[in-house]
Amino acid sequence: MRVWAIANQKGGVGKTTTTLALGRGLASRGNRVLLVDLDPHASLTRTFGVAPEPPPEGVMELFGTPPRDLASLARASAVERLDYVCAQPALATLERRSANQPGLGLALSQALARHAGQHDYVLLDCAPTLGLLMINALAAADRVIIPTQAEPLALHGLAGMRRTAEMVERSRRRPMPVSVLPTLYDRRTRAGQEALKRMQEEHGERVWDDAIPVDTRICNTELLVQPGDDAAYPGRALSTYRRALDWILASDAQALEQAA
């Protein structure tokens, strides 16, 4: 079972869209995929049509005493082989609890260890905040994927996210490869072109050599959780995500080979 954290400390860079598109792509290749919503705003959860009231069971139960198993919290989606676990607004209270409840930083790692073998891939959709939930995700992840908007201000968020990933990598004492995925790229603008070039120069081979284009149709993420042939999906973004997935899978295979 491979665990990917989709994370960036800057909001609005396409984390939830990236989680859905990559998850859908993995499922279409025959993998059993679990998406875990770690954002108290619960955008991923809402995309699947889960009502906010009453609050659904989900990630919060992993931090209970005793914790619930992931399998009991997973819900099947309309997309074959694609499951998900809901987020709840109460996740925002975990920071306060962590001061009096040691061990919360490893709750997700422990839940995933108990879940081993039940899914082929687990994708963690992180909140754009450096806190307990992101630390949980990075501690548990085999790879961190950083969606980064191709615009100048987003480059600061990318640098901060990489520093955070390196810090967690040192503390857990095992490698955590990083894949930087340029998103929301508008090739018509000079600012977008320059930001993409700078991203690739500063972060090298960690950056995909292409970019996910701006595509207003993929903003309707509810389409991403409907069954159907991906080739019929409107717009260019989903087909570009499929190529990005090829790159990430190749990088993952290389990392596994080097670790063997």
Protein backbone atom coordinates (compact mmCIF):
# COMPACT_ATOMS: atom_id res chain seq x y z
CA MET A 1 0.00 0.00 0.00
CA ARG A 2 1.41 3.36 -1.05
CA VAL A 3 0.49 6.56 0.79
CA TRP A 4 0.71 9.92 -0.99
CA ALA A 5 0.17 13.22 0.81
CA ILE A 6 -1.16 16.01 -1.43
CA ALA A 7 -0.01 19.07 0.46
CA ASN A 8 0.87 22.74 0.20
CA GLN A 9 0.90 25.38 2.92
CA LYS A 10 -0.67 27.81 0.44
CA GLY A 11 -4.37 27.54 -0.38
CA GLY A 12 -6.00 27.77 -3.78
CA VAL A 13 -3.41 25.72 -5.66
CA GLY A 14 -5.67 22.79 -6.60
CA LYS A 15 -4.98 20.23 -3.84
CA THR A 16 -8.47 18.74 -3.75
CA THR A 17 -8.79 18.69 -7.54
CA THR A 18 -5.39 17.01 -7.73
CA THR A 19 -6.39 14.42 -5.12
CA LEU A 20 -9.57 13.58 -7.02
CA ALA A 21 -7.95 13.49 -10.45
CA LEU A 22 -5.01 11.32 -9.36
CA GLY A 23 -7.29 9.06 -7.32
CA ARG A 24 -9.64 8.61 -10.24
CA GLY A 25 -6.69 7.88 -12.52
CA LEU A 26 -5.28 5.24 -10.18
CA ALA A 27 -8.70 3.59 -9.84
CA SER A 28 -9.16 3.50 -13.62
CA ARG A 29 -5.93 1.46 -13.81
CA GLY A 30 -7.41 -1.21 -11.57
CA ASN A 31 -6.10 -0.03 -8.19
CA ARG A 32 -8.14 0.07 -4.99
CA VAL A 33 -7.89 3.70 -3.90
CA LEU A 34 -8.80 5.45 -0.65
CA LEU A 35 -9.03 9.25 -0.45
CA VAL A 36 -8.75 10.73 3.06
CA ASP A 37 -10.01 14.28 3.63
CA LEU A 38 -7.79 15.95 6.26
CA ASP A 39 -9.14 19.48 5.81
CA PRO A 40 -11.69 20.76 8.37
CA HIS A 41 -13.29 22.73 5.51
CA ALA A 42 -14.14 19.31 4.00
CA SER A 43 -14.11 20.29 0.31
CA LEU A 44 -13.36 16.73 -0.77
CA THR A 45 -16.15 15.41 1.44
CA ARG A 46 -18.65 17.91 0.01
CA THR A 47 -17.65 16.92 -3.53
CA PHE A 48 -18.94 13.42 -2.79
CA GLY A 49 -22.28 14.92 -1.75
CA VAL A 50 -22.00 14.28 2.00
CA ALA A 51 -24.17 16.73 3.96
CA PRO A 52 -22.45 18.80 6.66
CA GLU A 53 -25.21 18.13 9.18
CA PRO A 54 -25.26 15.92 11.06
CA PRO A 55 -21.45 15.68 10.97
CA PRO A 56 -20.49 12.38 9.33
CA GLU A 57 -18.19 9.85 10.90
CA GLY A 58 -14.70 10.20 9.51
CA VAL A 59 -11.14 11.24 10.25
CA MET A 60 -11.95 12.55 13.72
CA GLU A 61 -12.69 8.99 14.83
CA LEU A 62 -9.07 8.02 14.10
CA PHE A 63 -8.05 10.28 16.99
CA GLY A 64 -10.53 8.81 19.46
CA THR A 65 -9.90 6.60 22.48
CA PRO A 66 -9.84 3.91 21.29
CA PRO A 67 -9.34 4.92 17.63
CA ARG A 68 -11.60 3.51 14.93
CA ASP A 69 -10.27 1.48 12.02
CA LEU A 70 -10.04 3.19 8.64
CA ALA A 71 -11.97 0.36 7.00
CA SER A 72 -15.01 1.07 9.16
CA LEU A 73 -14.97 4.74 8.11
CA ALA A 74 -14.41 4.29 4.37
CA ARG A 75 -17.34 4.98 2.05
CA ALA A 76 -17.68 3.68 -1.49
CA SER A 77 -18.02 6.31 -4.22
CA ALA A 78 -19.83 6.04 -7.53
CA VAL A 79 -16.44 5.54 -9.21
CA GLU A 80 -15.44 1.90 -9.21
CA ARG A 81 -12.62 1.04 -6.77
CA LEU A 82 -12.56 4.60 -5.35
CA ASP A 83 -13.42 5.01 -1.63
CA TYR A 84 -13.15 8.00 0.68
CA VAL A 85 -13.11 9.03 4.34
CA CYS A 86 -14.90 12.22 5.40
CA ALA A 87 -13.53 15.27 7.17
CA GLN A 88 -15.42 17.12 9.90
CA PRO A 89 -15.19 20.72 11.20
CA ALA A 90 -14.25 19.28 14.62
CA LEU A 91 -10.81 18.43 13.18
CA ALA A 92 -9.92 22.08 13.85
CA THR A 93 -10.00 21.31 17.60
CA LEU A 94 -7.23 18.71 17.44
CA GLU A 95 -4.48 21.30 17.91
CA ARG A 96 -5.80 22.10 21.40
CA ARG A 97 -6.17 18.43 22.28
CA SER A 98 -2.61 17.61 21.27
CA ALA A 99 -1.23 19.65 24.17
CA ASN A 100 -2.80 17.24 26.68
CA GLN A 101 -2.93 14.05 24.62
CA PRO A 102 0.54 12.87 23.56
CA GLY A 103 0.89 10.65 20.53
CA LEU A 104 -1.69 12.35 18.31
CA GLY A 105 1.01 13.15 15.76
CA LEU A 106 1.24 9.47 14.83
CA ALA A 107 -2.49 8.63 14.91
CA LEU A 108 -2.79 8.50 11.12
CA SER A 109 0.39 6.43 10.69
CA GLN A 110 -0.98 3.92 13.18
CA ALA A 111 -4.37 3.80 11.45
CA LEU A 112 -2.72 3.20 8.08
CA ALA A 113 -0.50 0.48 9.53
CA ARG A 114 -3.63 -1.35 10.69
CA HIS A 115 -5.18 -0.80 7.25
CA ALA A 116 -2.29 -2.28 5.25
CA GLY A 117 -3.36 -4.38 2.28
CA GLN A 118 -6.95 -3.17 2.09
CA HIS A 119 -6.22 -0.51 -0.54
CA ASP A 120 -3.40 -0.20 -3.05
CA TYR A 121 -3.12 3.59 -2.72
CA VAL A 122 -4.15 6.06 -0.03
CA LEU A 123 -4.21 9.75 -1.00
CA LEU A 124 -4.28 12.30 1.82
CA ASP A 125 -5.89 15.66 0.95
CA CYS A 126 -4.22 18.06 3.40
CA ALA A 127 -5.41 21.40 4.74
CA PRO A 128 -3.26 24.42 3.75
CA THR A 129 -2.04 24.81 7.32
CA LEU A 130 1.11 23.61 9.03
CA GLY A 131 -0.31 21.88 12.08
CA LEU A 132 -1.14 18.52 13.59
CA LEU A 133 -3.07 17.18 10.58
CA MET A 134 -0.35 18.01 8.07
CA ILE A 135 2.33 16.58 10.36
CA ASN A 136 0.24 13.40 10.62
CA ALA A 137 0.02 13.20 6.85
CA LEU A 138 3.73 13.77 6.26
CA ALA A 139 4.71 11.32 8.98
CA ALA A 140 2.58 8.64 7.29
CA ALA A 141 3.38 9.39 3.64
CA ASP A 142 5.60 7.47 1.25
CA ARG A 143 5.60 10.50 -1.06
CA VAL A 144 4.47 14.11 -0.86
CA ILE A 145 2.93 15.68 -3.96
CA ILE A 146 2.96 19.48 -3.89
CA PRO A 147 0.48 21.08 -6.32
CA THR A 148 1.82 24.58 -7.00
CA GLN A 149 0.08 27.27 -8.99
CA ALA A 150 2.29 28.65 -11.74
CA GLU A 151 2.34 32.22 -10.42
CA PRO A 152 5.02 34.16 -8.49
CA LEU A 153 3.43 34.23 -5.01
CA ALA A 154 2.87 30.47 -5.04
CA LEU A 155 6.62 29.88 -5.24
CA HIS A 156 6.99 31.06 -1.63
CA GLY A 157 4.45 28.44 -0.53
CA LEU A 158 6.38 25.76 -2.44
CA ALA A 159 9.64 26.68 -0.71
CA GLY A 160 7.95 26.58 2.70
CA MET A 161 6.31 23.24 1.98
CA ARG A 162 9.61 21.71 0.94
CA ARG A 163 11.27 22.91 4.16
CA THR A 164 8.46 21.34 6.17
CA ALA A 165 8.77 18.05 4.27
CA GLU A 166 12.53 17.98 4.86
CA MET A 167 12.04 18.64 8.57
CA VAL A 168 9.59 15.74 8.90
CA GLU A 169 11.84 13.51 6.80
CA ARG A 170 14.74 14.09 9.21
CA SER A 171 12.61 13.40 12.26
CA ARG A 172 11.14 10.15 10.95
CA ARG A 173 14.51 8.98 9.54
CA ARG A 174 13.30 7.53 6.29
CA PRO A 175 13.16 9.07 2.81
CA MET A 176 10.12 11.03 1.67
CA PRO A 177 10.39 11.79 -2.05
CA VAL A 178 8.82 15.04 -3.26
CA SER A 179 6.94 15.56 -6.53
CA VAL A 180 6.11 19.15 -7.47
CA LEU A 181 3.10 19.40 -9.78
CA PRO A 182 2.62 22.78 -11.51
CA THR A 183 -1.10 23.62 -11.64
CA LEU A 184 -3.45 26.33 -12.92
CA TYR A 185 -0.96 27.21 -15.64
CA ASP A 186 -1.92 29.90 -18.14
CA ARG A 187 0.62 29.73 -20.94
CA ARG A 188 -0.77 32.96 -22.40
CA THR A 189 0.63 35.09 -19.58
CA ARG A 190 4.24 36.09 -19.16
CA ALA A 191 3.92 35.81 -15.36
CA GLY A 192 2.80 32.19 -15.67
CA GLN A 193 5.61 31.30 -18.04
CA GLU A 194 8.25 32.93 -15.85
CA ALA A 195 6.89 31.32 -12.67
CA LEU A 196 6.96 27.86 -14.26
CA LYS A 197 10.51 28.38 -15.51
CA ARG A 198 11.67 29.58 -12.09
CA MET A 199 9.95 26.63 -10.40
CA GLN A 200 11.80 24.21 -12.65
CA GLU A 201 15.14 25.97 -12.21
CA GLU A 202 14.94 26.16 -8.41
CA HIS A 203 13.55 22.69 -7.71
CA GLY A 204 15.02 20.69 -10.58
CA GLU A 205 13.94 17.14 -11.34
CA ARG A 206 11.36 17.20 -8.53
CA VAL A 207 9.20 19.37 -10.82
CA TRP A 208 7.15 17.85 -13.61
CA ASP A 209 8.32 19.16 -16.97
CA ASP A 210 4.74 19.96 -18.02
CA ALA A 211 1.89 21.72 -16.16
CA ILE A 212 -1.82 21.29 -15.49
CA PRO A 213 -3.55 24.01 -17.52
CA VAL A 214 -6.17 26.44 -16.31
CA ASP A 215 -9.45 24.75 -17.21
CA THR A 216 -12.67 26.16 -15.80
CA ARG A 217 -14.50 22.89 -16.51
CA ILE A 218 -12.43 20.90 -14.04
CA CYS A 219 -13.37 23.44 -11.36
CA ASN A 220 -16.64 21.52 -11.19
CA THR A 221 -15.04 18.77 -9.14
CA GLU A 222 -18.36 16.95 -8.76
CA LEU A 223 -17.84 15.67 -12.30
CA LEU A 224 -14.70 13.91 -11.08
CA VAL A 225 -16.70 11.65 -8.75
CA GLN A 226 -19.17 10.50 -11.40
CA PRO A 227 -18.70 7.16 -13.18
CA GLY A 228 -17.77 7.24 -16.82
CA ASP A 229 -14.96 7.14 -19.35
CA ASP A 230 -12.25 9.68 -18.56
CA ALA A 231 -11.65 10.17 -22.28
CA ALA A 232 -15.12 11.74 -22.52
CA TYR A 233 -14.43 14.25 -19.73
CA PRO A 234 -14.63 17.83 -21.09
CA GLY A 235 -11.55 20.02 -21.23
CA ARG A 236 -7.81 19.41 -21.21
CA ALA A 237 -7.00 19.21 -17.51
CA LEU A 238 -8.00 15.61 -16.78
CA SER A 239 -6.01 14.22 -19.71
CA THR A 240 -3.03 16.26 -18.47
CA TYR A 241 -3.48 14.81 -14.99
CA ARG A 242 -3.28 11.34 -16.53
CA ARG A 243 0.15 12.18 -17.92
CA ALA A 244 1.18 13.68 -14.58
CA LEU A 245 0.15 10.40 -12.93
CA ASP A 246 2.43 8.50 -15.33
CA TRP A 247 5.32 10.70 -14.18
CA ILE A 248 4.53 10.28 -10.47
CA LEU A 249 4.20 6.50 -10.80
CA ALA A 250 7.53 6.31 -12.63
CA SER A 251 9.17 8.40 -9.88
CA ASP A 252 7.59 6.16 -7.24
CA ALA A 253 8.84 3.01 -8.94
CA GLN A 254 12.35 4.47 -9.11
CA ALA A 255 12.28 5.39 -5.41
CA LEU A 256 11.16 1.88 -4.47
CA GLU A 257 13.92 0.39 -6.59
CA GLN A 258 16.56 2.56 -4.92
CA ALA A 259 15.26 1.65 -1.46
CA ALA A 260 15.35 -2.08 -2.19
